[in-house]
Amino acid sequence: MTGNRTVGPPPLGRWRRHGSIRVPHVYLRAKPVTICIAAICYVPETDRTPGGYALISACDHMLTAGDIEYEPEQPKVAYITPRTIIMVAGDYQIHSEAIYRTIEQLKIKPLHSVEDQAGLYASSIRAVKRRMAEQTFLSPLGLTVETFFDKQKLMNADLVTSLTHELLNYRIDAECIVAGVDDVGAKLFYIGNDGVERFSNDVGFLAVGSGAWHANSRFMYARYRRGFTLARALLLLYSAKKAAETAPGVGTATDMFMGTAEKFVQIYPDIVQDIDKIYRARELSKERAETKAHDRIEVFVSDIFKRSAVTPTEQGLQHPQSTTADPLPPPPSPE
C-alpha cells in the first residue's frame, strides 16, 4: 500500500460524479508497510575474493496483498536472472503478475544488461497497470482501451473526458528495487508506482517502503559512498534495517543478500545472526558512552544554575546602557 491514489473494486454506491457521468471512486491508501534496502560496495581483492564492486541488500518479510498484510516465512526477493534480483514493496499481487510476465519474456528473449532487465520489468508493471485500469473503468461499459479510442467520437463528451482523466491518473502500489551485476558492473534501479525505471548508481544506495526514510537517514549520516568495503557496508546495511523497524508495519525478520559478477546469493541466517550480535554489542557500547557523557554534562548543568543565581554586577559586568532615542516631537496641530 502507498500514499499515492489507488483504485480497487469500488464498494456498492461508491461512485464519483463527473458532470453527468458517474465513475468508480478512487480512495487513498497508506505507505507500503515494508522495507527493502540495497547498496553498492567494494570488495577488496584477496586470495579468496576477486575484488571489485558488489551489491548487498536487506529486507523484512512483511507482504501486502490487496488489503491483507502479513509476514510469511519467505523473502521478498525475486531472481529474474542468476545475477539480478527484484526487491518488492507495495501490492505483492501486482508484483507477482509483473514478475511472471518478465520471466516469461526473458525465456523468449534473454537480456544480459541490468538496464534492459530493469526496463523490461518496468514495462511489465505498466502493462499490469493498464490492464487494471481498463478493467476498473472501461470493462463495466463493455469497452477496452482499443474500442474506447475507436468510439470516442460516438460517445458522450463528459464521459470521454472523465474516463480519460481516470485512466491517465490511475495509481497502483508497486515500487521496487532492481539490483544486478552485469559485465559492466553493479547497478541499482528504482521503479516507482508510475512504472518508470530510474538509474541510482550515483547515490549508491536505495530504500523503499514505510521504513525507507529511516534507512536512508542512516546511509546519509554515514556519508555512504560506493567505496565502502563489504564489511563496513554490511554493518551499516543491517543498522539501517534495524532503524527502519521503528516505522509502522516493518517486520523484525531480516533477510540479507549479496550479488557479485558470478551470482546473487542469500547470506546464511547464522551469519546474519552474527552480524546482529556485533550490531547489538556496538549499540550497547554507544548507550554506555552516551550515559557517561550525560553524567559529565550534569556537572555543567549544576554550574549553569549556580552561576545563574549571581547578578551581572557580582560577575563584574555592567548593565547595558539604554539606547532609547529621544522621543519624536509631536506632530504639528492642524491650523
Protein backbone atom coordinates (compact mmCIF):
# COMPACT_ATOMS: atom_id res chain seq x y z
CA MET A 1 0.00 0.00 0.00
CA THR A 2 1.18 3.53 -0.72
CA GLY A 3 0.36 7.15 -0.17
CA ASN A 4 -0.42 7.59 -3.87
CA ARG A 5 -4.02 7.32 -5.07
CA THR A 6 -5.10 3.76 -5.62
CA VAL A 7 -8.07 2.24 -7.37
CA GLY A 8 -9.65 -1.01 -6.23
CA PRO A 9 -13.02 -2.70 -6.60
CA PRO A 10 -15.45 0.12 -5.75
CA PRO A 11 -17.87 -0.63 -2.88
CA LEU A 12 -21.57 -0.50 -3.67
CA GLY A 13 -22.70 3.07 -4.02
CA ARG A 14 -19.13 4.42 -4.01
CA TRP A 15 -19.04 6.09 -7.44
CA ARG A 16 -17.97 9.65 -8.14
CA ARG A 17 -19.79 12.04 -10.41
CA HIS A 18 -18.01 13.99 -13.18
CA GLY A 19 -20.63 16.28 -14.66
CA SER A 20 -23.47 13.93 -15.60
CA ILE A 21 -21.19 10.85 -15.57
CA ARG A 22 -20.52 8.52 -12.62
CA VAL A 23 -17.13 6.77 -12.45
CA PRO A 24 -15.59 4.41 -9.82
CA HIS A 25 -14.46 6.05 -6.61
CA VAL A 26 -10.69 6.48 -6.06
CA TYR A 27 -9.59 6.12 -2.46
CA LEU A 28 -6.34 6.68 -0.56
CA ARG A 29 -4.05 4.10 0.98
CA ALA A 30 -1.14 4.33 3.35
CA LYS A 31 2.56 3.94 2.62
CA PRO A 32 3.71 0.34 1.94
CA VAL A 33 4.38 -1.30 5.31
CA THR A 34 7.72 -2.84 4.49
CA ILE A 35 11.41 -2.14 3.99
CA CYS A 36 13.79 -3.12 1.21
CA ILE A 37 17.34 -1.74 1.08
CA ALA A 38 20.18 -2.21 -1.41
CA ALA A 39 23.66 -0.70 -1.70
CA ILE A 40 26.77 -0.90 -3.87
CA CYS A 41 30.03 -1.61 -2.04
CA TYR A 42 33.63 -2.57 -2.78
CA VAL A 43 35.16 -5.99 -2.18
CA PRO A 44 38.96 -5.81 -1.74
CA GLU A 45 40.92 -8.36 -3.74
CA THR A 46 42.28 -11.28 -1.68
CA ASP A 47 43.27 -14.89 -2.22
CA ARG A 48 39.61 -15.89 -1.83
CA THR A 49 37.84 -12.92 -3.46
CA PRO A 50 38.47 -11.49 -6.95
CA GLY A 51 37.77 -7.93 -5.84
CA GLY A 52 35.55 -5.31 -7.44
CA TYR A 53 32.12 -3.79 -6.83
CA ALA A 54 29.30 -5.88 -5.39
CA LEU A 55 25.70 -5.43 -4.24
CA ILE A 56 24.26 -6.11 -0.82
CA SER A 57 20.60 -5.93 0.19
CA ALA A 58 18.29 -6.48 3.13
CA CYS A 59 14.53 -6.73 3.59
CA ASP A 60 11.88 -7.80 6.05
CA HIS A 61 9.13 -10.39 5.44
CA MET A 62 6.10 -8.11 5.56
CA LEU A 63 3.90 -8.57 2.48
CA THR A 64 0.84 -6.70 1.26
CA ALA A 65 -1.72 -8.43 -0.97
CA GLY A 66 -4.72 -6.22 -1.59
CA ASP A 67 -5.98 -5.22 1.87
CA ILE A 68 -4.11 -8.05 3.63
CA GLU A 69 -0.79 -7.53 5.40
CA TYR A 70 1.15 -10.45 6.85
CA GLU A 71 4.69 -11.67 7.50
CA PRO A 72 5.28 -15.11 5.92
CA GLU A 73 8.49 -17.10 6.18
CA GLN A 74 9.70 -16.19 2.70
CA PRO A 75 11.99 -13.49 1.27
CA LYS A 76 10.52 -10.60 -0.73
CA VAL A 77 13.07 -11.10 -3.47
CA ALA A 78 12.61 -12.49 -6.97
CA TYR A 79 15.51 -13.76 -9.07
CA ILE A 80 14.84 -12.80 -12.68
CA THR A 81 18.36 -13.91 -13.66
CA PRO A 82 21.14 -15.50 -11.58
CA ARG A 83 22.76 -12.06 -11.21
CA THR A 84 19.70 -9.79 -10.92
CA ILE A 85 17.06 -9.59 -8.21
CA ILE A 86 13.90 -7.57 -7.67
CA MET A 87 13.01 -6.40 -4.15
CA VAL A 88 9.33 -5.52 -3.96
CA ALA A 89 7.23 -3.15 -1.88
CA GLY A 90 3.53 -2.48 -2.14
CA ASP A 91 0.90 -4.85 -3.50
CA TYR A 92 2.51 -8.27 -3.90
CA GLN A 93 -0.24 -9.40 -6.30
CA ILE A 94 0.77 -6.70 -8.77
CA HIS A 95 4.42 -7.66 -8.50
CA SER A 96 3.60 -11.37 -8.86
CA GLU A 97 1.98 -10.77 -12.23
CA ALA A 98 4.75 -8.43 -13.37
CA ILE A 99 7.45 -10.91 -12.30
CA TYR A 100 5.70 -13.72 -14.18
CA ARG A 101 5.45 -11.57 -17.32
CA THR A 102 9.12 -10.59 -17.06
CA ILE A 103 10.44 -14.12 -16.58
CA GLU A 104 8.34 -15.45 -19.45
CA GLN A 105 9.68 -12.75 -21.78
CA LEU A 106 13.25 -13.40 -20.67
CA LYS A 107 12.77 -17.07 -21.62
CA ILE A 108 11.88 -15.98 -25.14
CA LYS A 109 14.47 -13.22 -25.45
CA PRO A 110 17.25 -13.20 -22.82
CA LEU A 111 18.58 -9.80 -21.79
CA HIS A 112 22.07 -9.51 -20.32
CA SER A 113 22.36 -5.89 -19.16
CA VAL A 114 20.76 -4.77 -15.91
CA GLU A 115 19.41 -1.68 -17.69
CA ASP A 116 17.45 -3.82 -20.16
CA GLN A 117 16.20 -6.11 -17.40
CA ALA A 118 15.01 -3.15 -15.31
CA GLY A 119 13.35 -1.65 -18.38
CA LEU A 120 11.57 -4.93 -19.08
CA TYR A 121 10.26 -5.16 -15.53
CA ALA A 122 9.12 -1.54 -15.65
CA SER A 123 7.18 -2.27 -18.86
CA SER A 124 5.60 -5.29 -17.14
CA ILE A 125 4.46 -3.07 -14.26
CA ARG A 126 2.95 -0.63 -16.75
CA ALA A 127 1.19 -3.48 -18.55
CA VAL A 128 -0.39 -4.65 -15.29
CA LYS A 129 -1.37 -1.07 -14.53
CA ARG A 130 -3.07 -0.68 -17.94
CA ARG A 131 -4.95 -3.95 -17.51
CA MET A 132 -6.22 -2.97 -14.06
CA ALA A 133 -7.25 0.49 -15.23
CA GLU A 134 -9.07 -0.98 -18.22
CA GLN A 135 -10.94 -3.50 -16.09
CA THR A 136 -11.86 -0.87 -13.49
CA PHE A 137 -13.11 1.92 -15.77
CA LEU A 138 -13.75 0.51 -19.25
CA SER A 139 -14.91 -3.09 -18.77
CA PRO A 140 -18.11 -2.06 -16.86
CA LEU A 141 -19.06 -0.12 -20.02
CA GLY A 142 -18.22 -3.01 -22.35
CA LEU A 143 -15.11 -1.22 -23.61
CA THR A 144 -11.42 -1.96 -24.00
CA VAL A 145 -8.62 0.55 -24.45
CA GLU A 146 -8.75 -0.06 -28.21
CA THR A 147 -12.53 0.31 -28.55
CA PHE A 148 -12.51 3.34 -26.24
CA PHE A 149 -10.25 5.21 -28.65
CA ASP A 150 -12.12 3.97 -31.70
CA LYS A 151 -15.57 5.00 -30.40
CA GLN A 152 -14.76 8.32 -28.75
CA LYS A 153 -16.49 10.36 -31.46
CA LEU A 154 -19.73 8.47 -30.82
CA MET A 155 -19.60 8.81 -27.03
CA ASN A 156 -20.78 11.50 -24.63
CA ALA A 157 -18.08 14.19 -24.32
CA ASP A 158 -18.31 14.26 -20.49
CA LEU A 159 -17.89 10.50 -20.37
CA VAL A 160 -14.82 10.62 -22.64
CA THR A 161 -13.25 13.38 -20.54
CA SER A 162 -13.95 11.59 -17.25
CA LEU A 163 -12.68 8.20 -18.41
CA THR A 164 -9.57 9.74 -19.96
CA HIS A 165 -8.83 11.56 -16.71
CA GLU A 166 -9.22 8.40 -14.63
CA LEU A 167 -7.12 6.28 -16.98
CA LEU A 168 -4.29 8.80 -17.05
CA ASN A 169 -4.31 9.30 -13.27
CA TYR A 170 -4.72 5.67 -12.24
CA ARG A 171 -2.28 4.71 -9.48
CA ILE A 172 -1.00 1.39 -8.20
CA ASP A 173 1.06 0.31 -5.19
CA ALA A 174 4.11 -1.29 -6.76
CA GLU A 175 7.52 0.24 -6.16
CA CYS A 176 10.65 -1.87 -6.16
CA ILE A 177 14.43 -2.06 -6.39
CA VAL A 178 16.16 -3.82 -9.27
CA ALA A 179 19.70 -4.77 -8.26
CA GLY A 180 22.07 -6.65 -10.52
CA VAL A 181 25.61 -7.17 -11.73
CA ASP A 182 26.37 -7.44 -15.44
CA ASP A 183 29.57 -7.36 -17.49
CA VAL A 184 29.88 -3.62 -16.87
CA GLY A 185 29.45 -3.74 -13.10
CA ALA A 186 26.99 -3.47 -10.21
CA LYS A 187 23.86 -1.42 -10.89
CA LEU A 188 20.84 -0.17 -8.96
CA PHE A 189 17.47 0.88 -10.38
CA TYR A 190 14.41 2.26 -8.65
CA ILE A 191 10.97 1.64 -10.18
CA GLY A 192 8.20 3.75 -8.71
CA ASN A 193 4.44 3.47 -8.79
CA ASP A 194 4.48 5.18 -12.19
CA GLY A 195 6.29 2.16 -13.71
CA VAL A 196 9.36 4.17 -14.75
CA GLU A 197 12.86 2.90 -14.00
CA ARG A 198 15.45 5.32 -12.59
CA PHE A 199 19.20 4.70 -12.53
CA SER A 200 20.50 5.12 -8.98
CA ASN A 201 24.20 4.24 -9.09
CA ASP A 202 25.45 7.74 -8.30
CA VAL A 203 23.79 7.68 -4.87
CA GLY A 204 24.97 4.13 -4.27
CA PHE A 205 22.06 3.03 -2.06
CA LEU A 206 18.28 2.70 -2.24
CA ALA A 207 15.41 2.02 0.14
CA VAL A 208 11.69 1.57 -0.47
CA GLY A 209 8.72 1.07 1.83
CA SER A 210 7.44 2.71 5.00
CA GLY A 211 10.87 2.41 6.63
CA ALA A 212 12.74 3.98 3.71
CA TRP A 213 13.21 7.37 5.39
CA HIS A 214 14.73 5.77 8.49
CA ALA A 215 17.06 3.56 6.42
CA ASN A 216 18.15 6.34 4.08
CA SER A 217 18.96 8.61 7.01
CA ARG A 218 21.45 6.04 8.35
CA PHE A 219 23.26 5.92 5.00
CA MET A 220 23.25 9.71 4.65
CA TYR A 221 24.51 10.23 8.20
CA ALA A 222 27.37 7.80 7.45
CA ARG A 223 28.10 9.75 4.22
CA TYR A 224 27.88 6.49 2.36
CA ARG A 225 29.67 6.05 -0.93
CA ARG A 226 30.30 3.09 -3.22
CA GLY A 227 33.87 2.83 -1.97
CA PHE A 228 32.74 1.46 1.41
CA THR A 229 34.20 -2.01 1.92
CA LEU A 230 31.89 -5.01 2.12
CA ALA A 231 32.44 -5.45 5.87
CA ARG A 232 31.71 -1.80 6.63
CA ALA A 233 28.71 -1.73 4.29
CA LEU A 234 27.20 -4.90 5.77
CA LEU A 235 27.11 -3.47 9.28
CA LEU A 236 25.65 -0.20 8.01
CA LEU A 237 23.05 -2.08 5.95
CA TYR A 238 21.96 -4.10 8.97
CA SER A 239 21.87 -0.95 11.12
CA ALA A 240 19.65 0.74 8.51
CA LYS A 241 17.28 -2.24 8.54
CA LYS A 242 17.04 -2.12 12.35
CA ALA A 243 16.40 1.64 12.22
CA ALA A 244 13.61 1.05 9.69
CA GLU A 245 11.86 -1.26 12.16
CA THR A 246 10.74 1.82 14.09
CA ALA A 247 8.43 2.67 11.16
CA PRO A 248 4.86 1.32 11.33
CA GLY A 249 4.41 -2.14 9.86
CA VAL A 250 8.06 -3.03 9.20
CA GLY A 251 8.77 -6.65 10.15
CA THR A 252 11.56 -7.69 12.50
CA ALA A 253 12.75 -10.65 10.43
CA THR A 254 15.75 -9.83 8.25
CA ASP A 255 16.96 -11.45 5.02
CA MET A 256 20.26 -10.33 3.52
CA PHE A 257 21.68 -10.95 0.05
CA MET A 258 24.94 -10.35 -1.81
CA GLY A 259 25.45 -10.06 -5.56
CA THR A 260 28.74 -10.41 -7.42
CA ALA A 261 29.79 -10.86 -11.03
CA GLU A 262 29.10 -14.57 -10.56
CA LYS A 263 25.62 -14.62 -8.98
CA PHE A 264 23.29 -13.32 -6.28
CA VAL A 265 23.16 -15.40 -3.11
CA GLN A 266 21.29 -15.18 0.17
CA ILE A 267 23.56 -14.66 3.16
CA TYR A 268 23.17 -17.60 5.52
CA PRO A 269 20.94 -16.92 8.56
CA ASP A 270 23.70 -17.84 11.02
CA ILE A 271 25.92 -15.12 9.51
CA VAL A 272 23.05 -12.63 9.81
CA GLN A 273 22.74 -13.64 13.47
CA ASP A 274 26.46 -12.98 13.97
CA ILE A 275 26.06 -9.55 12.36
CA ASP A 276 23.17 -8.93 14.74
CA LYS A 277 25.38 -9.76 17.73
CA ILE A 278 28.03 -7.31 16.53
CA TYR A 279 25.35 -4.68 15.95
CA ARG A 280 23.87 -5.14 19.43
CA ALA A 281 27.31 -5.02 21.07
CA ARG A 282 28.06 -1.76 19.28
CA GLU A 283 24.68 -0.26 20.25
CA LEU A 284 25.28 -1.25 23.89
CA SER A 285 28.69 0.40 23.78
CA LYS A 286 27.13 3.55 22.34
CA GLU A 287 24.48 3.59 25.09
CA ARG A 288 27.16 3.30 27.77
CA ALA A 289 29.21 6.08 26.18
CA GLU A 290 26.12 8.27 25.97
CA THR A 291 25.27 7.65 29.62
CA LYS A 292 28.82 8.57 30.60
CA ALA A 293 28.61 11.75 28.51
CA HIS A 294 25.30 12.68 30.18
CA ASP A 295 26.87 12.26 33.61
CA ARG A 296 29.68 14.63 32.65
CA ILE A 297 27.22 17.18 31.26
CA GLU A 298 25.32 17.09 34.58
CA VAL A 299 28.34 18.81 36.16
CA PHE A 300 27.95 21.71 33.74
CA VAL A 301 24.18 21.83 34.30
CA SER A 302 24.72 22.34 38.04
CA ASP A 303 27.29 25.04 37.29
CA ILE A 304 24.86 26.80 34.94
CA PHE A 305 22.21 27.03 37.66
CA LYS A 306 24.80 28.06 40.25
CA ARG A 307 26.10 30.89 38.10
CA SER A 308 22.63 32.00 37.04
CA ALA A 309 21.95 32.97 40.66
CA VAL A 310 24.78 35.56 40.53
CA THR A 311 23.81 39.08 39.43
CA PRO A 312 25.63 40.70 36.48
CA THR A 313 27.24 43.24 38.86
CA GLU A 314 28.64 40.46 41.03
CA GLN A 315 30.10 38.92 37.88
CA GLY A 316 31.87 42.19 37.12
CA LEU A 317 29.54 43.02 34.24
CA GLN A 318 27.93 46.35 33.59
CA HIS A 319 24.27 46.75 32.77
CA PRO A 320 23.85 47.74 29.14
CA GLN A 321 23.26 51.42 28.67
CA SER A 322 19.87 52.49 27.41
CA THR A 323 19.89 53.06 23.70
CA THR A 324 16.42 54.54 23.57
CA ALA A 325 16.49 57.69 21.43
CA ASP A 326 14.77 60.89 22.38
CA PRO A 327 11.08 60.71 21.60
CA LEU A 328 9.94 62.26 18.39
CA PRO A 329 8.29 65.67 18.66
CA PRO A 330 4.51 65.62 18.47
CA PRO A 331 3.02 66.27 15.07
CA PRO A 332 2.03 69.86 14.36
CA SER A 333 -1.53 70.74 15.24
CA PRO A 334 -3.80 71.38 12.29
CA GLU A 335 -4.41 75.01 11.52
